Protein backbone atom coordinates (compact mmCIF):
# COMPACT_ATOMS: atom_id res chain seq x y z
CA MET A 1 -1.28 3.35 -21.64
CA GLN A 2 1.63 0.97 -22.01
CA ARG A 3 1.92 -1.82 -19.46
CA ILE A 4 5.25 -2.50 -17.76
CA THR A 5 6.45 -5.49 -15.81
CA VAL A 6 8.03 -4.94 -12.41
CA ASP A 7 9.83 -7.68 -10.47
CA LEU A 8 8.35 -7.75 -6.97
CA GLY A 9 10.07 -10.96 -5.95
CA ASN A 10 12.21 -9.32 -3.30
CA VAL A 11 9.50 -7.22 -1.65
CA ASP A 12 9.20 -7.63 2.10
CA TRP A 13 5.39 -7.81 2.14
CA SER A 14 5.14 -7.71 5.92
CA LEU A 15 7.20 -4.53 6.05
CA LEU A 16 5.19 -3.02 3.18
CA ARG A 17 1.95 -3.61 5.13
CA LYS A 18 3.44 -1.76 8.14
CA GLN A 19 4.69 1.10 5.95
CA LYS A 20 1.28 1.43 4.32
CA LEU A 21 -0.37 1.70 7.75
CA THR A 22 2.11 4.41 8.70
CA LEU A 23 1.21 6.35 5.56
CA LEU A 24 -2.50 6.05 6.37
CA LYS A 25 -2.01 7.23 9.96
CA THR A 26 0.10 10.15 8.77
CA ALA A 27 -2.55 11.10 6.20
CA GLN A 28 -5.20 11.06 8.94
CA ARG A 29 -3.07 13.35 11.13
CA ARG A 30 -2.47 15.70 8.18
CA THR A 31 -6.20 15.89 7.51
CA LYS A 32 -6.88 16.78 11.16
CA THR A 33 -4.28 19.57 11.07
CA GLY A 34 -5.64 21.02 7.83
CA ALA A 35 -2.82 19.81 5.58
CA THR A 36 -5.30 18.30 3.15
CA GLU A 37 -3.07 18.47 0.07
CA ALA A 38 -0.34 16.46 1.83
CA ALA A 39 -2.95 14.03 3.13
CA GLY A 40 -4.28 13.58 -0.40
CA HIS A 41 -0.80 12.82 -1.71
CA LEU A 42 -0.25 10.23 1.01
CA ARG A 43 -3.60 8.60 0.29
CA GLY A 44 -2.63 8.49 -3.39
CA LEU A 45 0.52 6.57 -2.49
CA VAL A 46 -1.56 4.17 -0.42
CA HIS A 47 -3.84 3.57 -3.41
CA LEU A 48 -0.78 2.85 -5.55
CA LEU A 49 0.46 0.34 -2.97
CA ASP A 50 -3.03 -1.23 -2.85
CA ASN A 51 -2.90 -1.73 -6.60
CA ILE A 52 0.58 -3.24 -6.45
CA GLN A 53 -0.51 -5.60 -3.68
CA ASP A 54 -3.66 -6.63 -5.55
CA GLN A 55 -1.65 -7.50 -8.65
CA ALA A 56 1.02 -9.33 -6.65
CA ALA A 57 -1.64 -11.34 -4.80
CA GLU A 58 -2.89 -12.70 -8.12
CA THR A 59 0.48 -14.37 -8.63
CA LEU A 60 1.86 -14.92 -5.13
CA GLY A 61 -1.36 -15.53 -3.24
CA GLU A 62 -3.31 -13.34 -0.83
CA GLU A 63 -1.72 -14.71 2.35
CA VAL A 64 1.80 -13.95 1.12
CA VAL A 65 0.95 -10.37 0.22
CA PHE A 66 -1.70 -9.45 2.79
CA GLY A 67 -0.81 -11.80 5.64
CA LYS A 68 -3.03 -14.23 7.48
CA LYS A 69 -6.63 -13.20 7.91
CA ARG A 70 -7.60 -12.44 11.47
CA ALA A 71 -10.68 -14.15 12.84
């Protein structure tokens, strides 16, 4: 598979974290209502976002991408 470079310099990481949580909550609700295919698609998007965040954290730092760790 060919690798591509994507500029993530203008990503609002705080907003992305909130959006990802919304996707997860929606997937959970879909699972409870029996819409498992939709829930699976949403979880797939969350996994994609996880991968993007992991790669961005290597360059930008974990705190920038994931926020401050809670004690």
